[in-house]
Amino acid sequence: MHIQELPQVGIKSITEKDLDQLCRDDEAMIWRAMTSSSNTKTVMMLVPDLDHIVWHHRKEEFACDKLFGKHPHIKGVMTGEPNDRMWVIWTHRYYGHPHTISLTNTLYILRVVKEHQSKDHEQREHQVEQMRAILWAAQHEATEWKLDCVKMWDPAHIIQNVVERTGIRHRRVKRDEESIASLLWFGEGSGKEDMIEWLGNEKYGWR
């Protein structure tokens, strides 16, 4: 992993003190989107609140303290001005000692957020630049902490499209053997798969 060139847009590190407000902003956007949707399906989502995020960070801090005698203070990165921000929150996950050949230690993107997503061509190109800068920062963080790869679980379709257009080498993997999302529905309606839409099935909701 390496950084090919400097990002063309500014990047700000996210630290623990930023997380509470970012989670609140994210949740507010989620509720606005869900209440204004014309979707006739039942929509469900695990709210990406501070408790979910901090659980992952406490786990990473414990592991890193054991491995390195220190832990990461950068919890993600952000780019853009208010009302035009894009940010990711990540966690460092070790499945083996970094001095061994494992190729599985991972920087997981817990959550991806884009304020005011737009289909306008000029705005879409701007979003591509934002995502490119964020992914470079994630690659750099992974290298610094001796992680083998960066993974983003089940991003929204618009985010997938933006990632594709960054030109950064990556591959899409369909999980069919492990870490398969499942839902047992006790709510209203039939509960059939084609009548339920599961939003935000990202890494933050997984243990």
N, C-alpha and C. Protein backbone atom coordinates (compact mmCIF):
# COMPACT_ATOMS: atom_id res chain seq x y z
N MET A 1 0.84 -1.19 0.00
CA MET A 1 0.00 0.00 0.00
C MET A 1 0.88 1.24 0.00
N HIS A 2 0.50 2.26 -0.75
CA HIS A 2 1.26 3.50 -0.76
C HIS A 2 0.37 4.64 -1.21
N ILE A 3 0.81 5.84 -0.93
CA ILE A 3 0.09 7.04 -1.36
C ILE A 3 0.67 7.48 -2.69
N GLN A 4 -0.13 7.54 -3.72
CA GLN A 4 0.37 7.83 -5.05
C GLN A 4 0.66 9.32 -5.25
N GLU A 5 -0.15 10.18 -4.67
CA GLU A 5 0.05 11.61 -4.78
C GLU A 5 -0.76 12.29 -3.69
N LEU A 6 -0.52 13.57 -3.50
CA LEU A 6 -1.24 14.28 -2.45
C LEU A 6 -2.68 14.52 -2.87
N PRO A 7 -3.63 14.43 -1.95
CA PRO A 7 -5.03 14.70 -2.27
C PRO A 7 -5.22 16.15 -2.74
N GLN A 8 -6.19 16.34 -3.62
CA GLN A 8 -6.49 17.68 -4.12
C GLN A 8 -7.51 18.40 -3.25
N VAL A 9 -8.08 17.74 -2.30
CA VAL A 9 -9.02 18.37 -1.37
C VAL A 9 -8.50 18.18 0.04
N GLY A 10 -8.89 19.09 0.93
CA GLY A 10 -8.38 19.05 2.29
C GLY A 10 -8.96 17.89 3.09
N ILE A 11 -8.12 17.33 3.94
CA ILE A 11 -8.52 16.21 4.80
C ILE A 11 -8.32 16.63 6.25
N LYS A 12 -9.33 16.34 7.07
CA LYS A 12 -9.25 16.61 8.50
C LYS A 12 -9.36 15.29 9.26
N SER A 13 -8.47 15.09 10.20
CA SER A 13 -8.54 13.88 11.02
C SER A 13 -9.71 13.96 11.99
N ILE A 14 -10.37 12.84 12.21
CA ILE A 14 -11.44 12.74 13.20
C ILE A 14 -10.85 12.09 14.45
N THR A 15 -11.02 12.73 15.58
CA THR A 15 -10.56 12.16 16.85
C THR A 15 -11.78 11.86 17.72
N GLU A 16 -11.53 11.28 18.87
CA GLU A 16 -12.64 10.84 19.72
C GLU A 16 -13.57 11.98 20.11
N LYS A 17 -13.03 13.17 20.30
CA LYS A 17 -13.87 14.30 20.72
C LYS A 17 -14.86 14.72 19.63
N ASP A 18 -14.60 14.34 18.38
CA ASP A 18 -15.49 14.70 17.27
C ASP A 18 -16.65 13.72 17.10
N LEU A 19 -16.53 12.54 17.67
CA LEU A 19 -17.44 11.45 17.32
C LEU A 19 -18.88 11.70 17.73
N ASP A 20 -19.09 12.24 18.92
CA ASP A 20 -20.46 12.41 19.41
C ASP A 20 -21.27 13.29 18.47
N GLN A 21 -20.73 14.44 18.07
CA GLN A 21 -21.48 15.34 17.20
C GLN A 21 -21.66 14.75 15.81
N LEU A 22 -20.64 14.08 15.30
CA LEU A 22 -20.77 13.46 13.98
C LEU A 22 -21.85 12.38 13.98
N CYS A 23 -21.91 11.59 15.04
CA CYS A 23 -22.95 10.57 15.13
C CYS A 23 -24.34 11.21 15.22
N ARG A 24 -24.44 12.32 15.95
CA ARG A 24 -25.72 13.03 16.03
C ARG A 24 -26.13 13.60 14.67
N ASP A 25 -25.16 14.18 13.96
CA ASP A 25 -25.44 14.72 12.62
C ASP A 25 -25.88 13.60 11.68
N ASP A 26 -25.19 12.48 11.75
CA ASP A 26 -25.52 11.33 10.90
C ASP A 26 -26.93 10.84 11.19
N GLU A 27 -27.26 10.69 12.46
CA GLU A 27 -28.59 10.19 12.83
C GLU A 27 -29.69 11.15 12.37
N ALA A 28 -29.44 12.45 12.49
CA ALA A 28 -30.44 13.43 12.05
C ALA A 28 -30.69 13.31 10.54
N MET A 29 -29.62 13.11 9.77
CA MET A 29 -29.78 12.94 8.32
C MET A 29 -30.53 11.65 8.00
N ILE A 30 -30.26 10.61 8.75
CA ILE A 30 -30.95 9.33 8.54
C ILE A 30 -32.45 9.50 8.74
N TRP A 31 -32.85 10.13 9.85
CA TRP A 31 -34.27 10.31 10.13
C TRP A 31 -34.95 11.17 9.08
N ARG A 32 -34.27 12.22 8.63
CA ARG A 32 -34.85 13.07 7.58
C ARG A 32 -35.06 12.27 6.30
N ALA A 33 -34.08 11.47 5.93
CA ALA A 33 -34.19 10.68 4.71
C ALA A 33 -35.29 9.63 4.81
N MET A 34 -35.41 8.99 5.97
CA MET A 34 -36.40 7.93 6.13
C MET A 34 -37.82 8.48 6.17
N THR A 35 -38.00 9.62 6.81
CA THR A 35 -39.35 10.18 6.93
C THR A 35 -39.83 10.86 5.65
N SER A 36 -38.89 11.24 4.78
CA SER A 36 -39.28 11.90 3.53
C SER A 36 -39.32 10.93 2.35
N SER A 37 -38.98 9.67 2.60
CA SER A 37 -38.92 8.69 1.52
C SER A 37 -40.33 8.29 1.08
N SER A 38 -40.48 8.05 -0.23
CA SER A 38 -41.75 7.56 -0.77
C SER A 38 -41.76 6.04 -0.89
N ASN A 39 -40.74 5.41 -0.36
CA ASN A 39 -40.61 3.96 -0.40
C ASN A 39 -41.77 3.31 0.35
N THR A 40 -42.42 2.34 -0.28
CA THR A 40 -43.55 1.65 0.36
C THR A 40 -43.09 0.46 1.20
N LYS A 41 -41.82 0.13 1.13
CA LYS A 41 -41.31 -0.99 1.92
C LYS A 41 -41.13 -0.57 3.38
N THR A 42 -41.10 -1.57 4.24
CA THR A 42 -40.71 -1.33 5.62
C THR A 42 -39.19 -1.15 5.65
N VAL A 43 -38.74 -0.05 6.22
CA VAL A 43 -37.31 0.26 6.24
C VAL A 43 -36.78 0.08 7.66
N MET A 44 -35.66 -0.63 7.79
CA MET A 44 -35.05 -0.80 9.10
C MET A 44 -33.56 -0.47 9.01
N MET A 45 -33.02 -0.04 10.13
CA MET A 45 -31.61 0.32 10.17
C MET A 45 -31.12 0.30 11.60
N LEU A 46 -29.93 -0.22 11.83
CA LEU A 46 -29.26 -0.07 13.11
C LEU A 46 -28.67 1.34 13.14
N VAL A 47 -29.07 2.12 14.12
CA VAL A 47 -28.62 3.52 14.17
C VAL A 47 -27.13 3.55 14.49
N PRO A 48 -26.33 4.24 13.67
CA PRO A 48 -24.89 4.31 13.92
C PRO A 48 -24.56 5.34 15.00
N ASP A 49 -25.03 5.07 16.21
CA ASP A 49 -24.84 6.03 17.30
C ASP A 49 -23.47 5.86 17.94
N LEU A 50 -23.19 6.72 18.90
CA LEU A 50 -21.87 6.73 19.53
C LEU A 50 -21.54 5.40 20.21
N ASP A 51 -22.53 4.77 20.83
CA ASP A 51 -22.29 3.50 21.52
C ASP A 51 -21.75 2.43 20.56
N HIS A 52 -22.35 2.35 19.37
CA HIS A 52 -21.88 1.37 18.39
C HIS A 52 -20.44 1.65 17.98
N ILE A 53 -20.14 2.92 17.73
CA ILE A 53 -18.81 3.29 17.25
C ILE A 53 -17.76 3.06 18.33
N VAL A 54 -18.05 3.51 19.54
CA VAL A 54 -17.07 3.42 20.62
C VAL A 54 -16.75 1.97 20.96
N TRP A 55 -17.73 1.08 20.84
CA TRP A 55 -17.47 -0.35 21.12
C TRP A 55 -16.30 -0.84 20.28
N HIS A 56 -16.31 -0.50 18.99
CA HIS A 56 -15.23 -0.93 18.11
C HIS A 56 -13.91 -0.28 18.49
N HIS A 57 -13.96 0.99 18.88
CA HIS A 57 -12.72 1.69 19.21
C HIS A 57 -12.10 1.19 20.51
N ARG A 58 -12.92 0.83 21.48
CA ARG A 58 -12.36 0.28 22.71
C ARG A 58 -11.68 -1.07 22.42
N LYS A 59 -12.26 -1.82 21.53
CA LYS A 59 -11.67 -3.10 21.15
C LYS A 59 -10.33 -2.89 20.46
N GLU A 60 -10.27 -1.92 19.53
CA GLU A 60 -9.01 -1.66 18.83
C GLU A 60 -7.94 -1.13 19.78
N GLU A 61 -8.36 -0.29 20.73
CA GLU A 61 -7.39 0.27 21.67
C GLU A 61 -6.77 -0.81 22.55
N PHE A 62 -7.59 -1.75 22.98
CA PHE A 62 -7.07 -2.85 23.80
C PHE A 62 -6.04 -3.66 23.01
N ALA A 63 -6.39 -4.00 21.76
CA ALA A 63 -5.49 -4.82 20.94
C ALA A 63 -4.20 -4.07 20.63
N CYS A 64 -4.31 -2.80 20.28
CA CYS A 64 -3.12 -2.03 19.91
C CYS A 64 -2.21 -1.79 21.11
N ASP A 65 -2.80 -1.56 22.27
CA ASP A 65 -1.98 -1.39 23.47
C ASP A 65 -1.17 -2.66 23.75
N LYS A 66 -1.79 -3.81 23.53
CA LYS A 66 -1.09 -5.08 23.75
C LYS A 66 0.01 -5.30 22.71
N LEU A 67 -0.27 -4.94 21.45
CA LEU A 67 0.67 -5.20 20.36
C LEU A 67 1.80 -4.18 20.28
N PHE A 68 1.43 -2.89 20.48
CA PHE A 68 2.39 -1.82 20.21
C PHE A 68 2.71 -0.94 21.41
N GLY A 69 1.95 -1.09 22.50
CA GLY A 69 2.14 -0.21 23.64
C GLY A 69 1.56 1.17 23.43
N LYS A 70 0.72 1.32 22.42
CA LYS A 70 0.05 2.59 22.12
C LYS A 70 -1.17 2.26 21.26
N HIS A 71 -2.07 3.22 21.10
CA HIS A 71 -3.23 2.97 20.26
C HIS A 71 -3.54 4.17 19.38
N PRO A 72 -4.31 3.98 18.31
CA PRO A 72 -4.59 5.06 17.36
C PRO A 72 -5.47 6.15 17.97
N HIS A 73 -5.14 7.38 17.66
CA HIS A 73 -5.98 8.51 18.09
C HIS A 73 -6.81 9.06 16.93
N ILE A 74 -6.45 8.68 15.72
CA ILE A 74 -7.24 9.08 14.56
C ILE A 74 -8.32 8.02 14.33
N LYS A 75 -9.57 8.43 14.41
CA LYS A 75 -10.71 7.50 14.33
C LYS A 75 -11.38 7.52 12.96
N GLY A 76 -10.88 8.35 12.06
CA GLY A 76 -11.43 8.48 10.72
C GLY A 76 -10.96 9.79 10.12
N VAL A 77 -11.51 10.14 8.97
CA VAL A 77 -11.16 11.41 8.33
C VAL A 77 -12.40 12.04 7.71
N MET A 78 -12.30 13.35 7.47
CA MET A 78 -13.40 14.12 6.91
C MET A 78 -12.87 15.10 5.88
N THR A 79 -13.66 15.37 4.87
CA THR A 79 -13.32 16.40 3.91
C THR A 79 -14.56 17.22 3.59
N GLY A 80 -14.36 18.47 3.19
CA GLY A 80 -15.48 19.34 2.84
C GLY A 80 -15.89 20.27 3.95
N GLU A 81 -16.68 21.27 3.57
CA GLU A 81 -17.21 22.26 4.50
C GLU A 81 -18.60 21.83 4.97
N PRO A 82 -19.11 22.43 6.07
CA PRO A 82 -20.45 22.09 6.55
C PRO A 82 -21.49 22.11 5.43
N ASN A 83 -22.36 21.13 5.42
CA ASN A 83 -23.39 20.88 4.42
C ASN A 83 -22.84 20.28 3.13
N ASP A 84 -21.52 20.08 3.06
CA ASP A 84 -20.92 19.44 1.90
C ASP A 84 -19.84 18.46 2.35
N ARG A 85 -19.99 17.93 3.55
CA ARG A 85 -18.94 17.08 4.11
C ARG A 85 -19.11 15.62 3.67
N MET A 86 -17.99 14.95 3.60
CA MET A 86 -17.96 13.50 3.49
C MET A 86 -17.01 13.01 4.57
N TRP A 87 -17.43 11.98 5.30
CA TRP A 87 -16.51 11.45 6.31
C TRP A 87 -16.65 9.94 6.44
N VAL A 88 -15.59 9.35 6.95
CA VAL A 88 -15.60 7.93 7.30
C VAL A 88 -15.08 7.79 8.72
N ILE A 89 -15.62 6.82 9.41
CA ILE A 89 -15.11 6.42 10.73
C ILE A 89 -14.61 4.99 10.57
N TRP A 90 -13.41 4.74 11.08
CA TRP A 90 -12.81 3.41 10.87
C TRP A 90 -12.36 2.78 12.18
N THR A 91 -11.92 1.54 12.08
CA THR A 91 -11.34 0.84 13.22
C THR A 91 -10.24 -0.08 12.74
N HIS A 92 -9.25 -0.30 13.59
CA HIS A 92 -8.12 -1.16 13.29
C HIS A 92 -8.39 -2.55 13.88
N ARG A 93 -8.35 -3.57 13.04
CA ARG A 93 -8.69 -4.92 13.50
C ARG A 93 -7.54 -5.88 13.20
N TYR A 94 -7.06 -6.52 14.25
CA TYR A 94 -5.94 -7.47 14.11
C TYR A 94 -6.43 -8.89 14.38
N TYR A 95 -6.14 -9.76 13.42
CA TYR A 95 -6.48 -11.17 13.56
C TYR A 95 -5.23 -12.01 13.87
N GLY A 96 -4.08 -11.38 13.76
CA GLY A 96 -2.81 -12.03 14.06
C GLY A 96 -1.76 -10.97 14.29
N HIS A 97 -0.61 -11.36 14.82
CA HIS A 97 0.45 -10.39 15.06
C HIS A 97 0.94 -9.84 13.72
N PRO A 98 1.12 -8.52 13.61
CA PRO A 98 1.51 -7.94 12.33
C PRO A 98 2.87 -8.40 11.82
N HIS A 99 3.70 -8.99 12.68
CA HIS A 99 5.00 -9.49 12.24
C HIS A 99 4.89 -10.86 11.58
N THR A 100 3.74 -11.48 11.68
CA THR A 100 3.51 -12.76 11.00
C THR A 100 2.87 -12.50 9.64
N ILE A 101 2.89 -13.51 8.79
CA ILE A 101 2.27 -13.37 7.47
C ILE A 101 0.81 -13.81 7.59
N SER A 102 -0.09 -12.84 7.69
CA SER A 102 -1.50 -13.18 7.86
C SER A 102 -2.34 -12.67 6.70
N LEU A 103 -2.06 -11.44 6.24
CA LEU A 103 -2.80 -10.78 5.16
C LEU A 103 -4.27 -10.57 5.50
N THR A 104 -4.62 -10.67 6.77
CA THR A 104 -6.02 -10.50 7.16
C THR A 104 -6.24 -9.32 8.10
N ASN A 105 -5.19 -8.75 8.65
CA ASN A 105 -5.37 -7.59 9.52
C ASN A 105 -5.91 -6.43 8.69
N THR A 106 -6.94 -5.79 9.20
CA THR A 106 -7.78 -4.94 8.35
C THR A 106 -8.10 -3.60 8.98
N LEU A 107 -8.05 -2.55 8.17
CA LEU A 107 -8.66 -1.27 8.55
C LEU A 107 -10.09 -1.30 8.02
N TYR A 108 -11.05 -1.45 8.92
CA TYR A 108 -12.46 -1.49 8.52
C TYR A 108 -13.05 -0.08 8.52
N ILE A 109 -13.70 0.27 7.43
CA ILE A 109 -14.51 1.49 7.40
C ILE A 109 -15.83 1.15 8.09
N LEU A 110 -16.03 1.70 9.27
CA LEU A 110 -17.25 1.40 10.02
C LEU A 110 -18.47 2.05 9.41
N ARG A 111 -18.30 3.29 8.94
CA ARG A 111 -19.44 4.06 8.46
C ARG A 111 -18.95 5.11 7.46
N VAL A 112 -19.69 5.26 6.36
CA VAL A 112 -19.42 6.30 5.36
C VAL A 112 -20.61 7.25 5.34
N VAL A 113 -20.35 8.54 5.40
CA VAL A 113 -21.43 9.53 5.40
C VAL A 113 -21.12 10.61 4.37
N LYS A 114 -22.11 10.94 3.55
CA LYS A 114 -22.00 12.07 2.62
C LYS A 114 -23.20 12.97 2.81
N GLU A 115 -22.94 14.22 3.13
CA GLU A 115 -24.02 15.19 3.26
C GLU A 115 -24.52 15.60 1.88
N HIS A 116 -25.83 15.69 1.73
CA HIS A 116 -26.45 16.23 0.52
C HIS A 116 -25.91 15.58 -0.75
N GLN A 117 -26.16 14.29 -0.89
CA GLN A 117 -25.74 13.59 -2.09
C GLN A 117 -26.47 14.16 -3.30
N SER A 118 -25.75 14.30 -4.40
CA SER A 118 -26.31 14.94 -5.58
C SER A 118 -25.99 14.12 -6.82
N LYS A 119 -26.91 14.14 -7.78
CA LYS A 119 -26.68 13.48 -9.06
C LYS A 119 -26.17 14.45 -10.12
N ASP A 120 -26.04 15.73 -9.76
CA ASP A 120 -25.48 16.72 -10.66
C ASP A 120 -24.05 16.32 -11.03
N HIS A 121 -23.71 16.43 -12.32
CA HIS A 121 -22.41 15.95 -12.79
C HIS A 121 -21.25 16.64 -12.08
N GLU A 122 -21.32 17.95 -11.97
CA GLU A 122 -20.22 18.69 -11.33
C GLU A 122 -20.08 18.29 -9.87
N GLN A 123 -21.22 18.17 -9.18
CA GLN A 123 -21.18 17.76 -7.78
C GLN A 123 -20.69 16.32 -7.63
N ARG A 124 -21.08 15.46 -8.57
CA ARG A 124 -20.65 14.07 -8.51
C ARG A 124 -19.13 13.97 -8.66
N GLU A 125 -18.55 14.77 -9.55
CA GLU A 125 -17.09 14.77 -9.70
C GLU A 125 -16.42 15.26 -8.42
N HIS A 126 -17.03 16.23 -7.77
CA HIS A 126 -16.51 16.72 -6.50
C HIS A 126 -16.55 15.61 -5.45
N GLN A 127 -17.61 14.82 -5.45
CA GLN A 127 -17.72 13.71 -4.50
C GLN A 127 -16.64 12.65 -4.78
N VAL A 128 -16.32 12.45 -6.05
CA VAL A 128 -15.26 11.50 -6.41
C VAL A 128 -13.93 11.97 -5.84
N GLU A 129 -13.65 13.27 -5.95
CA GLU A 129 -12.42 13.82 -5.39
C GLU A 129 -12.39 13.65 -3.87
N GLN A 130 -13.53 13.88 -3.24
CA GLN A 130 -13.60 13.70 -1.79
C GLN A 130 -13.31 12.25 -1.40
N MET A 131 -13.94 11.32 -2.10
CA MET A 131 -13.75 9.91 -1.79
C MET A 131 -12.32 9.47 -2.06
N ARG A 132 -11.74 9.97 -3.15
CA ARG A 132 -10.36 9.60 -3.47
C ARG A 132 -9.42 10.02 -2.34
N ALA A 133 -9.59 11.25 -1.85
CA ALA A 133 -8.75 11.73 -0.76
C ALA A 133 -8.95 10.90 0.51
N ILE A 134 -10.19 10.53 0.78
CA ILE A 134 -10.49 9.72 1.97
C ILE A 134 -9.86 8.33 1.86
N LEU A 135 -9.96 7.71 0.69
CA LEU A 135 -9.39 6.37 0.53
C LEU A 135 -7.87 6.40 0.59
N TRP A 136 -7.25 7.45 0.06
CA TRP A 136 -5.79 7.58 0.21
C TRP A 136 -5.42 7.68 1.69
N ALA A 137 -6.19 8.47 2.43
CA ALA A 137 -5.92 8.61 3.86
C ALA A 137 -6.08 7.27 4.58
N ALA A 138 -7.09 6.50 4.18
CA ALA A 138 -7.31 5.18 4.79
C ALA A 138 -6.15 4.23 4.47
N GLN A 139 -5.66 4.27 3.23
CA GLN A 139 -4.51 3.45 2.86
C GLN A 139 -3.28 3.83 3.69
N HIS A 140 -3.10 5.12 3.86
CA HIS A 140 -1.96 5.60 4.65
C HIS A 140 -2.07 5.13 6.10
N GLU A 141 -3.27 5.23 6.67
CA GLU A 141 -3.48 4.79 8.05
C GLU A 141 -3.21 3.29 8.18
N ALA A 142 -3.67 2.52 7.21
CA ALA A 142 -3.44 1.08 7.25
C ALA A 142 -1.95 0.76 7.21
N THR A 143 -1.22 1.47 6.38
CA THR A 143 0.23 1.25 6.30
C THR A 143 0.91 1.60 7.61
N GLU A 144 0.52 2.74 8.19
CA GLU A 144 1.13 3.19 9.44
C GLU A 144 0.95 2.18 10.56
N TRP A 145 -0.20 1.50 10.56
CA TRP A 145 -0.51 0.57 11.65
C TRP A 145 -0.36 -0.89 11.23
N LYS A 146 0.40 -1.11 10.16
CA LYS A 146 0.76 -2.47 9.73
C LYS A 146 -0.47 -3.35 9.48
N LEU A 147 -1.46 -2.76 8.82
CA LEU A 147 -2.65 -3.50 8.43
C LEU A 147 -2.54 -3.87 6.95
N ASP A 148 -3.11 -5.01 6.59
CA ASP A 148 -2.91 -5.56 5.26
C ASP A 148 -3.86 -5.01 4.20
N CYS A 149 -5.02 -4.54 4.62
CA CYS A 149 -6.00 -4.09 3.64
C CYS A 149 -7.00 -3.13 4.28
N VAL A 150 -7.77 -2.48 3.42
CA VAL A 150 -8.86 -1.59 3.83
C VAL A 150 -10.15 -2.20 3.30
N LYS A 151 -11.16 -2.32 4.17
CA LYS A 151 -12.43 -2.90 3.74
C LYS A 151 -13.59 -1.98 4.10
N MET A 152 -14.53 -1.91 3.19
CA MET A 152 -15.76 -1.13 3.37
C MET A 152 -16.93 -2.07 3.11
N TRP A 153 -17.78 -2.27 4.11
CA TRP A 153 -18.88 -3.23 3.98
C TRP A 153 -20.16 -2.56 3.50
N ASP A 154 -20.71 -3.11 2.43
CA ASP A 154 -22.06 -2.79 1.96
C ASP A 154 -22.36 -1.29 1.93
N PRO A 155 -21.54 -0.48 1.27
CA PRO A 155 -21.86 0.95 1.17
C PRO A 155 -23.09 1.17 0.30
N ALA A 156 -23.74 2.30 0.46
CA ALA A 156 -24.90 2.65 -0.36
C ALA A 156 -24.49 2.65 -1.83
N HIS A 157 -25.46 2.44 -2.72
CA HIS A 157 -25.17 2.34 -4.15
C HIS A 157 -24.47 3.59 -4.68
N ILE A 158 -24.88 4.76 -4.22
CA ILE A 158 -24.26 5.99 -4.70
C ILE A 158 -22.80 6.06 -4.26
N ILE A 159 -22.50 5.54 -3.07
CA ILE A 159 -21.12 5.50 -2.59
C ILE A 159 -20.31 4.49 -3.39
N GLN A 160 -20.91 3.34 -3.70
CA GLN A 160 -20.23 2.35 -4.54
C GLN A 160 -19.83 2.97 -5.88
N ASN A 161 -20.75 3.73 -6.47
CA ASN A 161 -20.48 4.36 -7.75
C ASN A 161 -19.34 5.36 -7.65
N VAL A 162 -19.33 6.12 -6.58
CA VAL A 162 -18.26 7.11 -6.38
C VAL A 162 -16.91 6.40 -6.21
N VAL A 163 -16.89 5.32 -5.44
CA VAL A 163 -15.65 4.56 -5.25
C VAL A 163 -15.14 4.04 -6.59
N GLU A 164 -16.03 3.51 -7.42
CA GLU A 164 -15.64 2.99 -8.73
C GLU A 164 -14.94 4.06 -9.55
N ARG A 165 -15.39 5.29 -9.42
CA ARG A 165 -14.88 6.37 -10.26
C ARG A 165 -13.61 7.02 -9.72
N THR A 166 -13.16 6.61 -8.55
CA THR A 166 -11.93 7.20 -8.00
C THR A 166 -10.69 6.74 -8.75
N GLY A 167 -10.77 5.59 -9.40
CA GLY A 167 -9.60 5.04 -10.07
C GLY A 167 -8.66 4.30 -9.14
N ILE A 168 -9.01 4.24 -7.86
CA ILE A 168 -8.17 3.52 -6.90
C ILE A 168 -8.44 2.02 -7.04
N ARG A 169 -7.37 1.26 -7.11
CA ARG A 169 -7.50 -0.17 -7.32
C ARG A 169 -8.23 -0.82 -6.14
N HIS A 170 -9.24 -1.61 -6.46
CA HIS A 170 -10.00 -2.30 -5.43
C HIS A 170 -10.77 -3.44 -6.08
N ARG A 171 -11.40 -4.26 -5.27
CA ARG A 171 -12.26 -5.30 -5.81
C ARG A 171 -13.49 -5.45 -4.92
N ARG A 172 -14.59 -5.81 -5.56
CA ARG A 172 -15.83 -6.03 -4.84
C ARG A 172 -15.97 -7.53 -4.56
N VAL A 173 -16.37 -7.84 -3.34
CA VAL A 173 -16.49 -9.24 -2.93
C VAL A 173 -17.90 -9.47 -2.40
N LYS A 174 -18.56 -10.49 -2.91
CA LYS A 174 -19.87 -10.88 -2.40
C LYS A 174 -19.68 -11.98 -1.38
N ARG A 175 -20.07 -11.70 -0.14
CA ARG A 175 -19.90 -12.70 0.91
C ARG A 175 -20.99 -13.77 0.79
N ASP A 176 -20.56 -15.01 0.73
CA ASP A 176 -21.54 -16.10 0.65
C ASP A 176 -21.18 -17.27 1.55
N GLU A 177 -20.14 -17.10 2.39
CA GLU A 177 -19.75 -18.19 3.28
C GLU A 177 -19.69 -17.75 4.74
N GLU A 178 -19.34 -16.50 5.00
CA GLU A 178 -19.22 -16.03 6.37
C GLU A 178 -19.66 -14.57 6.45
N SER A 179 -19.96 -14.12 7.68
CA SER A 179 -20.41 -12.74 7.91
C SER A 179 -21.61 -12.40 7.03
N ILE A 180 -22.57 -13.31 6.99
CA ILE A 180 -23.78 -13.11 6.19
C ILE A 180 -24.83 -12.42 7.05
N ALA A 181 -25.34 -11.30 6.57
CA ALA A 181 -26.37 -10.58 7.33
C ALA A 181 -27.67 -11.38 7.34
N SER A 182 -28.32 -11.44 8.50
CA SER A 182 -29.61 -12.12 8.61
C SER A 182 -30.51 -11.33 9.54
N LEU A 183 -31.80 -11.43 9.30
CA LEU A 183 -32.77 -10.65 10.06
C LEU A 183 -33.99 -11.52 10.35
N LEU A 184 -34.36 -11.59 11.62
CA LEU A 184 -35.59 -12.28 12.03
C LEU A 184 -36.61 -11.20 12.36
N TRP A 185 -37.68 -11.11 11.56
CA TRP A 185 -38.61 -9.98 11.62
C TRP A 185 -39.81 -10.30 12.51
N PHE A 186 -40.06 -9.45 13.52
CA PHE A 186 -41.23 -9.58 14.38
C PHE A 186 -42.13 -8.35 14.28
N GLY A 187 -41.83 -7.46 13.34
CA GLY A 187 -42.59 -6.23 13.21
C GLY A 187 -43.86 -6.40 12.39
N GLU A 188 -44.44 -5.28 12.00
CA GLU A 188 -45.67 -5.30 11.22
C GLU A 188 -45.39 -5.78 9.80
N GLY A 189 -46.44 -6.22 9.13
CA GLY A 189 -46.32 -6.67 7.76
C GLY A 189 -45.92 -8.13 7.66
N SER A 190 -45.69 -8.56 6.42
CA SER A 190 -45.41 -9.98 6.16
C SER A 190 -44.00 -10.38 6.56
N GLY A 191 -43.08 -9.42 6.56
CA GLY A 191 -41.69 -9.73 6.88
C GLY A 191 -40.95 -10.40 5.74
N LYS A 192 -41.58 -10.50 4.56
CA LYS A 192 -40.91 -11.11 3.42
C LYS A 192 -39.79 -10.20 2.92
N GLU A 193 -38.77 -10.83 2.35
CA GLU A 193 -37.56 -10.11 1.96
C GLU A 193 -37.85 -8.95 1.02
N ASP A 194 -38.77 -9.14 0.07
CA ASP A 194 -39.03 -8.09 -0.91
C ASP A 194 -39.87 -6.95 -0.35
N MET A 195 -40.28 -7.05 0.93
CA MET A 195 -41.07 -5.99 1.55
C MET A 195 -40.28 -5.24 2.63
N ILE A 196 -39.01 -5.60 2.81
CA ILE A 196 -38.18 -4.96 3.83
C ILE A 196 -36.91 -4.44 3.18
N GLU A 197 -36.56 -3.22 3.49
CA GLU A 197 -35.30 -2.65 3.01
C GLU A 197 -34.39 -2.39 4.22
N TRP A 198 -33.22 -3.01 4.20
CA TRP A 198 -32.26 -2.89 5.29
C TRP A 198 -31.23 -1.85 4.89
N LEU A 199 -31.24 -0.73 5.55
CA LEU A 199 -30.30 0.34 5.26
C LEU A 199 -29.08 0.26 6.18
N GLY A 200 -27.96 0.73 5.68
CA GLY A 200 -26.78 0.89 6.53
C GLY A 200 -26.25 -0.40 7.12
N ASN A 201 -26.25 -1.46 6.32
CA ASN A 201 -25.73 -2.74 6.82
C ASN A 201 -24.20 -2.71 6.74
N GLU A 202 -23.62 -1.76 7.45
CA GLU A 202 -22.18 -1.52 7.40
C GLU A 202 -21.50 -2.13 8.63
N LYS A 203 -20.20 -2.03 8.66
CA LYS A 203 -19.41 -2.73 9.67
C LYS A 203 -19.70 -2.25 11.10
N TYR A 204 -20.16 -1.01 11.27
CA TYR A 204 -20.40 -0.50 12.63
C TYR A 204 -21.40 -1.36 13.40
N GLY A 205 -22.31 -2.02 12.68
CA GLY A 205 -23.36 -2.81 13.32
C GLY A 205 -22.95 -4.24 13.61
N TRP A 206 -21.70 -4.59 13.29
CA TRP A 206 -21.23 -5.96 13.47
C TRP A 206 -20.24 -6.03 14.61
N ARG A 207 -20.21 -7.16 15.26
CA ARG A 207 -19.25 -7.38 16.34
C ARG A 207 -18.06 -8.17 15.82
